[in-house]
Amino acid sequence: MEKITVSLPAKSLKFIEQYRKEHSLKSQADVIEVALTMLQESEREDDLGEAPEQDELDDLDMPQYERTDTE
């Protein structure tokens, strides 16, 4: 495990400590790890949930198919 040093405003540190206590986490580092995991999940959901814009679809070189009714 790597170790880093981060400077944060007092308000952020207070929030981290409050979150740690409310969620029975062992350390402030655990709070940061939870936050990073949530951020990664959010980014992944955003990537999966974004529908392509029409101009992005227009740029794709896709074969054109004609619909044929078989009924």
N, C-alpha and C. Protein backbone atom coordinates (compact mmCIF):
# COMPACT_ATOMS: atom_id res chain seq x y z
N MET A 1 0.84 -1.17 0.00
CA MET A 1 0.00 0.00 0.00
C MET A 1 0.89 1.24 0.00
N GLU A 2 0.52 2.20 -0.82
CA GLU A 2 1.27 3.45 -0.92
C GLU A 2 0.75 4.46 0.11
N LYS A 3 1.59 5.39 0.47
CA LYS A 3 1.21 6.43 1.42
C LYS A 3 1.41 7.78 0.76
N ILE A 4 0.41 8.67 0.90
CA ILE A 4 0.52 10.03 0.38
C ILE A 4 0.14 11.01 1.49
N THR A 5 0.52 12.24 1.31
CA THR A 5 0.15 13.30 2.23
C THR A 5 -0.72 14.29 1.47
N VAL A 6 -1.86 14.65 2.07
CA VAL A 6 -2.80 15.54 1.42
C VAL A 6 -3.17 16.65 2.39
N SER A 7 -3.20 17.87 1.88
CA SER A 7 -3.66 19.01 2.68
C SER A 7 -5.09 19.33 2.28
N LEU A 8 -5.98 19.40 3.27
CA LEU A 8 -7.39 19.68 3.03
C LEU A 8 -7.87 20.78 3.95
N PRO A 9 -8.90 21.50 3.53
CA PRO A 9 -9.48 22.51 4.41
C PRO A 9 -10.09 21.86 5.65
N ALA A 10 -10.16 22.60 6.72
CA ALA A 10 -10.71 22.10 7.98
C ALA A 10 -12.12 21.54 7.80
N LYS A 11 -12.91 22.19 6.95
CA LYS A 11 -14.28 21.74 6.70
C LYS A 11 -14.29 20.32 6.12
N SER A 12 -13.38 20.04 5.22
CA SER A 12 -13.30 18.71 4.62
C SER A 12 -12.85 17.67 5.64
N LEU A 13 -11.89 18.03 6.45
CA LEU A 13 -11.41 17.11 7.49
C LEU A 13 -12.50 16.81 8.50
N LYS A 14 -13.29 17.82 8.83
CA LYS A 14 -14.40 17.62 9.76
C LYS A 14 -15.41 16.65 9.16
N PHE A 15 -15.71 16.82 7.88
CA PHE A 15 -16.64 15.92 7.20
C PHE A 15 -16.09 14.49 7.19
N ILE A 16 -14.82 14.33 6.88
CA ILE A 16 -14.20 13.01 6.84
C ILE A 16 -14.31 12.33 8.20
N GLU A 17 -14.01 13.05 9.23
CA GLU A 17 -14.08 12.48 10.58
C GLU A 17 -15.51 12.14 10.97
N GLN A 18 -16.45 12.99 10.62
CA GLN A 18 -17.87 12.73 10.90
C GLN A 18 -18.34 11.48 10.15
N TYR A 19 -17.97 11.38 8.89
CA TYR A 19 -18.34 10.23 8.07
C TYR A 19 -17.73 8.95 8.64
N ARG A 20 -16.49 9.05 9.06
CA ARG A 20 -15.79 7.90 9.64
C ARG A 20 -16.55 7.36 10.85
N LYS A 21 -16.94 8.26 11.74
CA LYS A 21 -17.66 7.85 12.95
C LYS A 21 -19.04 7.28 12.62
N GLU A 22 -19.78 7.96 11.73
CA GLU A 22 -21.14 7.53 11.39
C GLU A 22 -21.17 6.16 10.71
N HIS A 23 -20.10 5.83 9.99
CA HIS A 23 -20.07 4.57 9.25
C HIS A 23 -19.12 3.55 9.87
N SER A 24 -18.69 3.81 11.08
CA SER A 24 -17.83 2.90 11.83
C SER A 24 -16.60 2.45 11.05
N LEU A 25 -15.98 3.40 10.38
CA LEU A 25 -14.74 3.11 9.66
C LEU A 25 -13.56 3.29 10.61
N LYS A 26 -12.49 2.57 10.35
CA LYS A 26 -11.35 2.58 11.25
C LYS A 26 -10.48 3.82 11.11
N SER A 27 -10.42 4.37 9.90
CA SER A 27 -9.48 5.47 9.69
C SER A 27 -10.00 6.46 8.65
N GLN A 28 -9.35 7.60 8.61
CA GLN A 28 -9.68 8.60 7.58
C GLN A 28 -9.32 8.06 6.20
N ALA A 29 -8.29 7.25 6.12
CA ALA A 29 -7.91 6.64 4.85
C ALA A 29 -9.04 5.75 4.33
N ASP A 30 -9.75 5.07 5.23
CA ASP A 30 -10.88 4.25 4.81
C ASP A 30 -11.99 5.11 4.21
N VAL A 31 -12.19 6.30 4.77
CA VAL A 31 -13.20 7.21 4.23
C VAL A 31 -12.81 7.63 2.81
N ILE A 32 -11.55 7.95 2.61
CA ILE A 32 -11.07 8.34 1.29
C ILE A 32 -11.23 7.19 0.32
N GLU A 33 -10.93 5.98 0.75
CA GLU A 33 -11.07 4.80 -0.11
C GLU A 33 -12.53 4.60 -0.52
N VAL A 34 -13.46 4.78 0.42
CA VAL A 34 -14.89 4.67 0.11
C VAL A 34 -15.27 5.74 -0.92
N ALA A 35 -14.80 6.96 -0.70
CA ALA A 35 -15.12 8.07 -1.61
C ALA A 35 -14.58 7.79 -3.02
N LEU A 36 -13.38 7.28 -3.11
CA LEU A 36 -12.79 6.98 -4.42
C LEU A 36 -13.54 5.85 -5.12
N THR A 37 -13.96 4.86 -4.36
CA THR A 37 -14.74 3.76 -4.94
C THR A 37 -16.06 4.28 -5.48
N MET A 38 -16.72 5.14 -4.72
CA MET A 38 -17.98 5.71 -5.16
C MET A 38 -17.79 6.57 -6.41
N LEU A 39 -16.71 7.32 -6.46
CA LEU A 39 -16.40 8.14 -7.62
C LEU A 39 -16.15 7.28 -8.86
N GLN A 40 -15.40 6.20 -8.69
CA GLN A 40 -15.13 5.29 -9.81
C GLN A 40 -16.42 4.66 -10.32
N GLU A 41 -17.30 4.25 -9.42
CA GLU A 41 -18.57 3.66 -9.82
C GLU A 41 -19.43 4.68 -10.57
N SER A 42 -19.43 5.90 -10.09
CA SER A 42 -20.19 6.97 -10.73
C SER A 42 -19.68 7.24 -12.14
N GLU A 43 -18.37 7.29 -12.28
CA GLU A 43 -17.76 7.51 -13.60
C GLU A 43 -18.12 6.37 -14.55
N ARG A 44 -18.07 5.15 -14.05
CA ARG A 44 -18.39 3.98 -14.86
C ARG A 44 -19.85 4.02 -15.29
N GLU A 45 -20.75 4.38 -14.37
CA GLU A 45 -22.17 4.50 -14.70
C GLU A 45 -22.40 5.59 -15.74
N ASP A 46 -21.69 6.71 -15.59
CA ASP A 46 -21.82 7.78 -16.57
C ASP A 46 -21.37 7.32 -17.95
N ASP A 47 -20.26 6.58 -18.00
CA ASP A 47 -19.75 6.08 -19.27
C ASP A 47 -20.73 5.11 -19.92
N LEU A 48 -21.33 4.25 -19.12
CA LEU A 48 -22.26 3.26 -19.65
C LEU A 48 -23.61 3.87 -20.00
N GLY A 49 -24.00 4.90 -19.28
CA GLY A 49 -25.33 5.46 -19.45
C GLY A 49 -25.45 6.52 -20.51
N GLU A 50 -24.36 7.00 -21.05
CA GLU A 50 -24.42 8.06 -22.04
C GLU A 50 -24.82 7.51 -23.39
N ALA A 51 -25.87 8.07 -23.93
CA ALA A 51 -26.26 7.71 -25.29
C ALA A 51 -25.43 8.54 -26.26
N PRO A 52 -25.02 7.95 -27.37
CA PRO A 52 -24.24 8.72 -28.33
C PRO A 52 -25.08 9.82 -28.97
N GLU A 53 -24.44 10.91 -29.27
CA GLU A 53 -25.10 12.01 -29.97
C GLU A 53 -25.32 11.61 -31.42
N GLN A 54 -26.31 12.20 -32.07
CA GLN A 54 -26.62 11.83 -33.45
C GLN A 54 -25.44 12.05 -34.38
N ASP A 55 -24.70 13.16 -34.19
CA ASP A 55 -23.55 13.40 -35.07
C ASP A 55 -22.46 12.35 -34.87
N GLU A 56 -22.37 11.77 -33.67
CA GLU A 56 -21.42 10.69 -33.45
C GLU A 56 -21.85 9.44 -34.21
N LEU A 57 -23.16 9.20 -34.25
CA LEU A 57 -23.68 8.05 -34.99
C LEU A 57 -23.50 8.23 -36.48
N ASP A 58 -23.66 9.47 -36.96
CA ASP A 58 -23.52 9.75 -38.38
C ASP A 58 -22.11 9.47 -38.87
N ASP A 59 -21.13 9.60 -38.00
CA ASP A 59 -19.73 9.38 -38.37
C ASP A 59 -19.37 7.91 -38.47
N LEU A 60 -20.22 7.03 -37.95
CA LEU A 60 -19.93 5.61 -37.99
C LEU A 60 -20.15 5.06 -39.39
N ASP A 61 -19.28 4.18 -39.81
CA ASP A 61 -19.41 3.54 -41.12
C ASP A 61 -20.10 2.19 -40.92
N MET A 62 -21.44 2.24 -40.91
CA MET A 62 -22.21 1.03 -40.66
C MET A 62 -22.99 0.66 -41.91
N PRO A 63 -23.11 -0.64 -42.17
CA PRO A 63 -23.87 -1.07 -43.34
C PRO A 63 -25.34 -0.69 -43.19
N GLN A 64 -25.96 -0.39 -44.31
CA GLN A 64 -27.38 -0.04 -44.32
C GLN A 64 -28.18 -1.28 -44.71
N TYR A 65 -29.19 -1.55 -43.96
CA TYR A 65 -30.06 -2.69 -44.24
C TYR A 65 -31.46 -2.19 -44.55
N GLU A 66 -32.08 -2.85 -45.51
CA GLU A 66 -33.46 -2.53 -45.82
C GLU A 66 -34.35 -3.50 -45.08
N ARG A 67 -35.45 -2.99 -44.60
CA ARG A 67 -36.39 -3.85 -43.89
C ARG A 67 -37.22 -4.63 -44.90
N THR A 68 -37.34 -5.90 -44.64
CA THR A 68 -38.20 -6.73 -45.48
C THR A 68 -39.24 -7.38 -44.58
N ASP A 69 -40.49 -7.23 -44.95
CA ASP A 69 -41.55 -7.84 -44.18
C ASP A 69 -41.70 -9.28 -44.60
N THR A 70 -41.66 -10.17 -43.64
CA THR A 70 -41.77 -11.59 -43.94
C THR A 70 -43.17 -12.11 -43.68
N GLU A 71 -44.05 -11.28 -43.24
CA GLU A 71 -45.42 -11.72 -42.96
C GLU A 71 -46.30 -11.58 -44.15
